[in-house]
Every structure is written in structure tokens, then in C-alpha cells.
C-alpha atoms as a PDB file:
ATOM      1  CA  MET A   1      30.286 -18.684  47.104  1.00  0.00           C
ATOM      2  CA  PRO A   2      29.808 -21.524  44.962  1.00  0.00           C
ATOM      3  CA  ALA A   3      26.318 -20.983  44.684  1.00  0.00           C
ATOM      4  CA  LEU A   4      27.066 -17.371  43.798  1.00  0.00           C
ATOM      5  CA  ASN A   5      28.945 -18.659  40.945  1.00  0.00           C
ATOM      6  CA  ARG A   6      26.158 -20.994  40.239  1.00  0.00           C
ATOM      7  CA  VAL A   7      23.804 -18.087  39.499  1.00  0.00           C
ATOM      8  CA  VAL A   8      26.055 -15.772  37.650  1.00  0.00           C
ATOM      9  CA  GLY A   9      27.273 -18.668  35.405  1.00  0.00           C
ATOM     10  CA  ARG A  10      23.447 -19.657  34.710  1.00  0.00           C
ATOM     11  CA  TYR A  11      22.563 -16.054  34.035  1.00  0.00           C
ATOM     12  CA  LEU A  12      25.880 -15.628  31.926  1.00  0.00           C
ATOM     13  CA  PHE A  13      25.114 -18.804  29.872  1.00  0.00           C
ATOM     14  CA  LEU A  14      21.385 -17.710  28.933  1.00  0.00           C
ATOM     15  CA  PHE A  15      22.773 -14.384  28.133  1.00  0.00           C
ATOM     16  CA  LEU A  16      24.955 -15.844  25.584  1.00  0.00           C
ATOM     17  CA  VAL A  17      22.358 -18.439  24.213  1.00  0.00           C
ATOM     18  CA  VAL A  18      20.063 -14.847  23.895  1.00  0.00           C
ATOM     19  CA  LEU A  19      22.943 -12.920  21.973  1.00  0.00           C
ATOM     20  CA  VAL A  20      23.661 -15.550  19.790  1.00  0.00           C
ATOM     21  CA  ALA A  21      19.670 -16.612  18.908  1.00  0.00           C
ATOM     22  CA  TRP A  22      18.327 -13.445  18.364  1.00  0.00           C
ATOM     23  CA  PRO A  23      20.277 -12.419  15.337  1.00  0.00           C
ATOM     24  CA  LEU A  24      19.630 -15.588  13.764  1.00  0.00           C
ATOM     25  CA  ALA A  25      16.115 -15.570  14.568  1.00  0.00           C
ATOM     26  CA  VAL A  26      15.953 -12.364  12.714  1.00  0.00           C
ATOM     27  CA  SER A  27      18.333 -13.380  10.390  1.00  0.00           C
ATOM     28  CA  ALA A  28      15.599 -16.159   9.145  1.00  0.00           C
ATOM     29  CA  GLN A  29      12.751 -13.631   9.219  1.00  0.00           C
ATOM     30  CA  ASP A  30      14.603 -11.087   6.991  1.00  0.00           C
ATOM     31  CA  GLN A  31      15.698 -13.913   4.810  1.00  0.00           C
ATOM     32  CA  ARG A  32      12.196 -15.111   4.234  1.00  0.00           C
ATOM     33  CA  ILE A  33      11.181 -11.746   3.775  1.00  0.00           C
ATOM     34  CA  ASP A  34      14.105 -11.527   0.633  1.00  0.00           C
ATOM     35  CA  ASP A  35      12.836 -14.955  -0.558  1.00  0.00           C
ATOM     36  CA  GLU A  36       9.040 -13.303  -0.596  1.00  0.00           C
ATOM     37  CA  LEU A  37      10.289 -10.141  -2.409  1.00  0.00           C
ATOM     38  CA  GLY A  38      12.653 -11.892  -5.012  1.00  0.00           C
ATOM     39  CA  ASP A  39       9.206 -14.227  -6.174  1.00  0.00           C
ATOM     40  CA  SER A  40       8.103 -13.359  -9.532  1.00  0.00           C
ATOM     41  CA  SER A  41       4.737 -14.908  -9.185  1.00  0.00           C
ATOM     42  CA  PRO A  42       2.157 -12.250  -9.522  1.00  0.00           C
ATOM     43  CA  ILE A  43       1.149 -10.049  -6.524  1.00  0.00           C
ATOM     44  CA  VAL A  44      -2.187 -11.108  -4.588  1.00  0.00           C
ATOM     45  CA  ILE A  45      -4.547  -8.457  -4.271  1.00  0.00           C
ATOM     46  CA  PRO A  46      -6.615 -10.230  -1.728  1.00  0.00           C
ATOM     47  CA  LEU A  47     -10.064  -8.664  -2.743  1.00  0.00           C
ATOM     48  CA  LYS A  48      -9.457  -9.775  -6.771  1.00  0.00           C
ATOM     49  CA  GLU A  49      -8.589 -13.214  -4.994  1.00  0.00           C
ATOM     50  CA  ALA A  50     -12.215 -13.491  -3.364  1.00  0.00           C
ATOM     51  CA  LEU A  51     -13.928 -11.856  -6.352  1.00  0.00           C
ATOM     52  CA  GLY A  52     -11.907 -13.343  -9.408  1.00  0.00           C
ATOM     53  CA  ASP A  53     -10.889 -11.073 -12.316  1.00  0.00           C
ATOM     54  CA  VAL A  54     -13.901 -10.557 -14.110  1.00  0.00           C
ATOM     55  CA  LYS A  55     -16.022  -9.291 -11.493  1.00  0.00           C
ATOM     56  CA  PHE A  56     -13.117  -7.230  -9.724  1.00  0.00           C
ATOM     57  CA  ASN A  57     -12.814  -5.403 -12.654  1.00  0.00           C
ATOM     58  CA  GLU A  58     -16.329  -4.704 -13.522  1.00  0.00           C
ATOM     59  CA  ALA A  59     -16.942  -3.196  -9.852  1.00  0.00           C
ATOM     60  CA  ILE A  60     -14.080  -1.437  -9.608  1.00  0.00           C
ATOM     61  CA  ASN A  61     -13.957   0.356 -13.053  1.00  0.00           C
ATOM     62  CA  SER A  62     -17.689   0.917 -12.322  1.00  0.00           C
ATOM     63  CA  GLY A  63     -16.289   3.855 -10.543  1.00  0.00           C
ATOM     64  CA  GLU A  64     -19.104   3.113  -7.456  1.00  0.00           C
ATOM     65  CA  TYR A  65     -16.631   1.607  -5.251  1.00  0.00           C
ATOM     66  CA  LYS A  66     -14.299   3.377  -2.962  1.00  0.00           C
ATOM     67  CA  TYR A  67     -12.169   3.703  -0.092  1.00  0.00           C
ATOM     68  CA  THR A  68     -13.172   5.806   2.647  1.00  0.00           C
ATOM     69  CA  GLY A  69     -11.564   4.637   5.428  1.00  0.00           C
ATOM     70  CA  ASN A  70     -12.291   3.510   9.384  1.00  0.00           C
ATOM     71  CA  LEU A  71     -13.599   6.978  10.139  1.00  0.00           C
ATOM     72  CA  LYS A  72     -16.265   6.725   8.677  1.00  0.00           C
ATOM     73  CA  CYS A  73     -17.167   3.263   9.386  1.00  0.00           C
ATOM     74  CA  ARG A  74     -17.046   4.405  13.061  1.00  0.00           C
ATOM     75  CA  LEU A  75     -19.483   6.809  12.832  1.00  0.00           C
ATOM     76  CA  CYS A  76     -22.538   4.263  12.751  1.00  0.00           C
ATOM     77  CA  HIS A  77     -20.412   1.224  14.778  1.00  0.00           C
ATOM     78  CA  ARG A  78     -18.985   2.311  17.746  1.00  0.00           C
ATOM     79  CA  ASP A  79     -19.711  -0.350  19.740  1.00  0.00           C
ATOM     80  CA  PHE A  80     -18.099  -2.770  16.981  1.00  0.00           C
ATOM     81  CA  PHE A  81     -14.556  -0.362  17.230  1.00  0.00           C
ATOM     82  CA  LYS A  82     -14.438  -0.446  21.041  1.00  0.00           C
ATOM     83  CA  GLY A  83     -13.328  -3.939  21.192  1.00  0.00           C
ATOM     84  CA  ARG A  84     -10.935  -3.897  18.242  1.00  0.00           C
ATOM     85  CA  LYS A  85      -7.923  -2.127  19.839  1.00  0.00           C
ATOM     86  CA  ARG A  86      -6.682  -5.603  20.334  1.00  0.00           C
ATOM     87  CA  ASP A  87      -7.005  -6.655  16.959  1.00  0.00           C
ATOM     88  CA  PRO A  88      -3.614  -7.624  14.861  1.00  0.00           C
ATOM     89  CA  HIS A  89      -5.061  -5.925  12.175  1.00  0.00           C
ATOM     90  CA  VAL A  90      -5.243  -2.560  13.674  1.00  0.00           C
ATOM     91  CA  HIS A  91      -1.402  -2.461  14.152  1.00  0.00           C
ATOM     92  CA  THR A  92      -0.524  -4.797  11.072  1.00  0.00           C
ATOM     93  CA  PHE A  93       1.591  -1.888   9.469  1.00  0.00           C
ATOM     94  CA  LYS A  94       3.781  -0.366  11.509  1.00  0.00           C
ATOM     95  CA  LYS A  95       4.190  -3.593  13.673  1.00  0.00           C
ATOM     96  CA  SER A  96       5.096  -6.134  11.195  1.00  0.00           C
ATOM     97  CA  ILE A  97       6.745  -3.975   8.473  1.00  0.00           C
ATOM     98  CA  LYS A  98      10.461  -2.493   8.956  1.00  0.00           C
ATOM     99  CA  LYS A  99      10.709   0.738   6.805  1.00  0.00           C
ATOM    100  CA  LYS A 100      13.106  -0.360   4.679  1.00  0.00           C
ATOM    101  CA  TYR A 101      10.119  -2.442   3.378  1.00  0.00           C
ATOM    102  CA  TYR A 102       7.405   0.546   3.814  1.00  0.00           C
ATOM    103  CA  ASN A 103       6.985   0.414  -0.564  1.00  0.00           C
ATOM    104  CA  GLU A 104       7.683  -2.756  -1.045  1.00  0.00           C
ATOM    105  CA  ALA A 105       4.108  -4.250  -3.274  1.00  0.00           C
ATOM    106  CA  ARG A 106       4.212  -7.782  -1.537  1.00  0.00           C
ATOM    107  CA  CYS A 107       4.329  -6.148   1.599  1.00  0.00           C
ATOM    108  CA  LEU A 108       1.316  -3.344   1.067  1.00  0.00           C
ATOM    109  CA  ALA A 109      -0.896  -5.720  -0.372  1.00  0.00           C
ATOM    110  CA  CYS A 110      -1.579  -7.519   3.049  1.00  0.00           C
ATOM    111  CA  HIS A 111      -0.394  -4.780   5.219  1.00  0.00           C
ATOM    112  CA  THR A 112      -2.653  -2.138   4.337  1.00  0.00           C
ATOM    113  CA  THR A 113      -6.506  -1.512   2.997  1.00  0.00           C
ATOM    114  CA  GLY A 114      -6.577  -1.536  -1.034  1.00  0.00           C
ATOM    115  CA  TYR A 115      -3.386  -1.704  -1.928  1.00  0.00           C
ATOM    116  CA  GLY A 116      -3.041  -2.032  -5.866  1.00  0.00           C
ATOM    117  CA  VAL A 117      -6.653  -1.333  -6.416  1.00  0.00           C
ATOM    118  CA  LYS A 118      -8.246   1.820  -7.533  1.00  0.00           C
ATOM    119  CA  THR A 119      -8.742   4.793  -4.338  1.00  0.00           C
ATOM    120  CA  GLY A 120      -7.132   2.075  -2.245  1.00  0.00           C
ATOM    121  CA  PHE A 121      -3.788   2.792  -0.147  1.00  0.00           C
ATOM    122  CA  THR A 122      -0.492   4.248  -2.233  1.00  0.00           C
ATOM    123  CA  SER A 123       1.764   5.015   0.294  1.00  0.00           C
ATOM    124  CA  VAL A 124       1.767   6.434   3.640  1.00  0.00           C
ATOM    125  CA  LYS A 125       1.923  10.040   2.980  1.00  0.00           C
ATOM    126  CA  LYS A 126      -0.967  10.026   0.215  1.00  0.00           C
ATOM    127  CA  THR A 127      -3.302   7.795   1.924  1.00  0.00           C
ATOM    128  CA  PRO A 128      -2.402   7.541   5.542  1.00  0.00           C
ATOM    129  CA  LYS A 129      -6.132   6.536   6.285  1.00  0.00           C
ATOM    130  CA  LEU A 130      -5.446   3.191   5.010  1.00  0.00           C
ATOM    131  CA  VAL A 131      -2.577   2.404   6.718  1.00  0.00           C
ATOM    132  CA  ASN A 132      -3.296  -0.856   8.477  1.00  0.00           C
ATOM    133  CA  VAL A 133      -5.821  -3.726   7.684  1.00  0.00           C
ATOM    134  CA  GLN A 134      -9.222  -1.896   8.232  1.00  0.00           C
ATOM    135  CA  CYS A 135     -12.641  -3.056   7.874  1.00  0.00           C
ATOM    136  CA  GLU A 136     -12.850  -2.668   3.995  1.00  0.00           C
ATOM    137  CA  GLY A 137      -9.547  -4.427   3.931  1.00  0.00           C
ATOM    138  CA  CYS A 138     -12.106  -7.279   4.502  1.00  0.00           C
ATOM    139  CA  HIS A 139     -15.204  -5.532   3.196  1.00  0.00           C
ATOM    140  CA  GLY A 140     -13.892  -4.076   0.001  1.00  0.00           C
ATOM    141  CA  PRO A 141     -14.532  -0.373  -0.754  1.00  0.00           C
ATOM    142  CA  GLY A 142     -17.183   1.032   1.793  1.00  0.00           C
ATOM    143  CA  SER A 143     -18.616   3.806  -0.419  1.00  0.00           C
ATOM    144  CA  LYS A 144     -21.422   2.452  -1.612  1.00  0.00           C
ATOM    145  CA  HIS A 145     -22.398   1.260   1.558  1.00  0.00           C
ATOM    146  CA  ILE A 146     -22.080   4.630   3.222  1.00  0.00           C
ATOM    147  CA  GLU A 147     -24.307   6.030   0.703  1.00  0.00           C
ATOM    148  CA  ASN A 148     -27.131   3.402   0.844  1.00  0.00           C
ATOM    149  CA  VAL A 149     -26.232   1.634   4.044  1.00  0.00           C
ATOM    150  CA  HIS A 150     -29.761  -0.560   4.176  1.00  0.00           C
ATOM    151  CA  ASP A 151     -29.012  -2.090   1.032  1.00  0.00           C
ATOM    152  CA  GLY A 152     -25.439  -3.135   2.089  1.00  0.00           C
ATOM    153  CA  GLY A 153     -23.481  -2.130  -0.641  1.00  0.00           C
ATOM    154  CA  PHE A 154     -20.394  -4.257   0.039  1.00  0.00           C
ATOM    155  CA  LEU A 155     -18.449  -6.490  -2.320  1.00  0.00           C
ATOM    156  CA  ALA A 156     -17.829  -8.617   0.500  1.00  0.00           C
ATOM    157  CA  GLY A 157     -20.492  -7.919   3.258  1.00  0.00           C
ATOM    158  CA  PRO A 158     -21.141 -10.145   6.174  1.00  0.00           C
ATOM    159  CA  ASP A 159     -23.770 -11.932   4.009  1.00  0.00           C
ATOM    160  CA  ARG A 160     -20.712 -13.272   1.956  1.00  0.00           C
ATOM    161  CA  PRO A 161     -18.993 -14.930   4.123  1.00  0.00           C
ATOM    162  CA  ASP A 162     -17.420 -17.216   1.071  1.00  0.00           C
ATOM    163  CA  LEU A 163     -15.584 -14.090  -0.259  1.00  0.00           C
ATOM    164  CA  ILE A 164     -14.673 -13.000   3.081  1.00  0.00           C
ATOM    165  CA  LYS A 165     -13.162 -16.245   3.756  1.00  0.00           C
ATOM    166  CA  LYS A 166     -11.124 -15.924   0.605  1.00  0.00           C
ATOM    167  CA  MET A 167      -9.986 -12.612   1.545  1.00  0.00           C
ATOM    168  CA  CYS A 168      -8.503 -14.028   4.510  1.00  0.00           C
ATOM    169  CA  HIS A 169      -6.451 -16.591   3.078  1.00  0.00           C
ATOM    170  CA  ALA A 170      -5.247 -14.460   0.130  1.00  0.00           C
ATOM    171  CA  CYS A 171      -2.861 -12.992   2.787  1.00  0.00           C
ATOM    172  CA  HIS A 172      -3.172 -15.662   6.025  1.00  0.00           C
ATOM    173  CA  ASN A 173      -1.571 -18.785   3.488  1.00  0.00           C
ATOM    174  CA  SER A 174       0.545 -21.303   4.834  1.00  0.00           C
ATOM    175  CA  ARG A 175       3.651 -19.267   4.386  1.00  0.00           C
ATOM    176  CA  TRP A 176       2.815 -16.379   6.508  1.00  0.00           C
ATOM    177  CA  ASN A 177       0.277 -17.676   8.930  1.00  0.00           C
ATOM    178  CA  LYS A 178       0.105 -16.376  11.970  1.00  0.00           C
ATOM    179  CA  SER A 179      -3.144 -16.014  13.232  1.00  0.00           C
ATOM    180  CA  PHE A 180      -4.917 -19.346  12.693  1.00  0.00           C
ATOM    181  CA  THR A 181      -4.627 -22.575  10.415  1.00  0.00           C
ATOM    182  CA  ASP A 182      -7.178 -24.204   8.881  1.00  0.00           C
ATOM    183  CA  LYS A 183      -7.888 -26.485  12.063  1.00  0.00           C
ATOM    184  CA  ASN A 184      -8.801 -23.248  13.751  1.00  0.00           C
ATOM    185  CA  PHE A 185      -9.794 -21.200  11.113  1.00  0.00           C
ATOM    186  CA  GLU A 186     -13.458 -21.082  11.781  1.00  0.00           C
ATOM    187  CA  ASP A 187     -13.195 -19.771  15.507  1.00  0.00           C
ATOM    188  CA  VAL A 188     -11.460 -17.215  14.450  1.00  0.00           C
ATOM    189  CA  TYR A 189     -13.578 -16.193  11.636  1.00  0.00           C
ATOM    190  CA  ASP A 190     -16.208 -16.297  13.889  1.00  0.00           C
ATOM    191  CA  ALA A 191     -14.233 -14.165  16.795  1.00  0.00           C
ATOM    192  CA  TYR A 192     -14.644 -10.909  14.224  1.00  0.00           C
ATOM    193  CA  ALA A 193     -17.934 -11.204  14.323  1.00  0.00           C
ATOM    194  CA  ALA A 194     -18.042 -10.219  18.059  1.00  0.00           C
ATOM    195  CA  PRO A 195     -17.615  -6.496  18.860  1.00  0.00           C
ATOM    196  CA  ASP A 196     -15.526  -7.311  21.520  1.00  0.00           C
ATOM    197  CA  ILE A 197     -12.946  -9.441  19.830  1.00  0.00           C
ATOM    198  CA  GLU A 198     -11.318 -12.546  21.386  1.00  0.00           C
ATOM    199  CA  LEU A 199      -9.324 -14.035  19.480  1.00  0.00           C
ATOM    200  CA  PRO A 200      -8.390 -17.849  20.108  1.00  0.00           C
ATOM    201  CA  VAL A 201      -4.869 -17.360  18.778  1.00  0.00           C
ATOM    202  CA  GLU A 202      -2.895 -14.398  19.027  1.00  0.00           C
END
């Protein structure tokens, strides 16, 4: 009987720890989000951060670059999409944002594709094809690439890793970093080039 009491006591203790710790962890996360939403600094638009104001405005105002959504990308890049189901970007909107934050610009800038850019994400209802971080979230609008596939046509294509890395760092900064640190950034970056993604860090 004493052994049974010890086992029950341990489970009861663990239950109480979880009961107390879980709300504190959730509260801390909510507080971090509230702090971010209360920040008065300009909202970071990853593409603008990578290109700089002048190049960004020239490209987007030209009307040549429009967001199309992943379905268009899949038509030619089928093999690449097979391993994407494990990519955290594929689920970053619904898994990372609570419904009460669905209209918060600071959340949408990093959890959707093209928010704050002409033809980019505006809302779940109006632009459902641009929910989550898709191909164009890292490469910029894909319309020009689709029209002229042999000449690239991306604002931040695979031939410009410097720009793609700037886009990564726009969202994966020291405050919100959940995928990599400066130490393992290159490993994570290289993993994204492989069709069947194997991230060093989840």
C-alpha cells in the first residue's frame, strides 16, 4: 500500500506541476505577443527588407511582379513539393497564430505570403491561396518567373542567396527565432535547397 501511495503521490505532483506551469507558459507567450503588437516601430515587410526601399518600390510599382500562390509553382516543381509537408512554413499561419491575431499586421507580415505588398495576402477570406509562408514568401512574387521561366524572373531567386537570407532574417530575428540561430543558419538554409527537406532544427 505505501508503494501505491508513492506512485499516486508522484502522479498527483506531476499533475499539479503541469496545472500550474502550463498557464504560466501560455501567459508568457501571450505577453510576448502583446508586447510585439504594442511596438510602435514600422512593420517589417521581408521583401522590402531584402531589396531596400528603392528597388522594392520600383519592382512592385512596375506591375510586372504579382503573387500567384503555390498551386502555380507545383505545376512545374512537383518533386520539390513532395518533401514540403514537414516544412514548418507550410503550417505557420494556423499552427502559430491564434484566431484573435488573424488581423494583426505584425503577425501577418511573417506568417503569410506577401502581406503589405500589392497583390499579396490581405485576408483569409480574400486571399486564401496566400496563407502560410509559400515559395513566394522567400522568392518574391512569381508571375514574371511563370511567364518567362528560363530567365528566372524572381526578385530573390536561387541565384541571389544574399537576398533570400535577408528575407529569412527579417522574420527569424533574435526575438522570434524558433528555427535557427546564427550558428546553424547556413545548415538550415542549405536544407531548404533539397527537394526532401531535412531540417537540422525543428
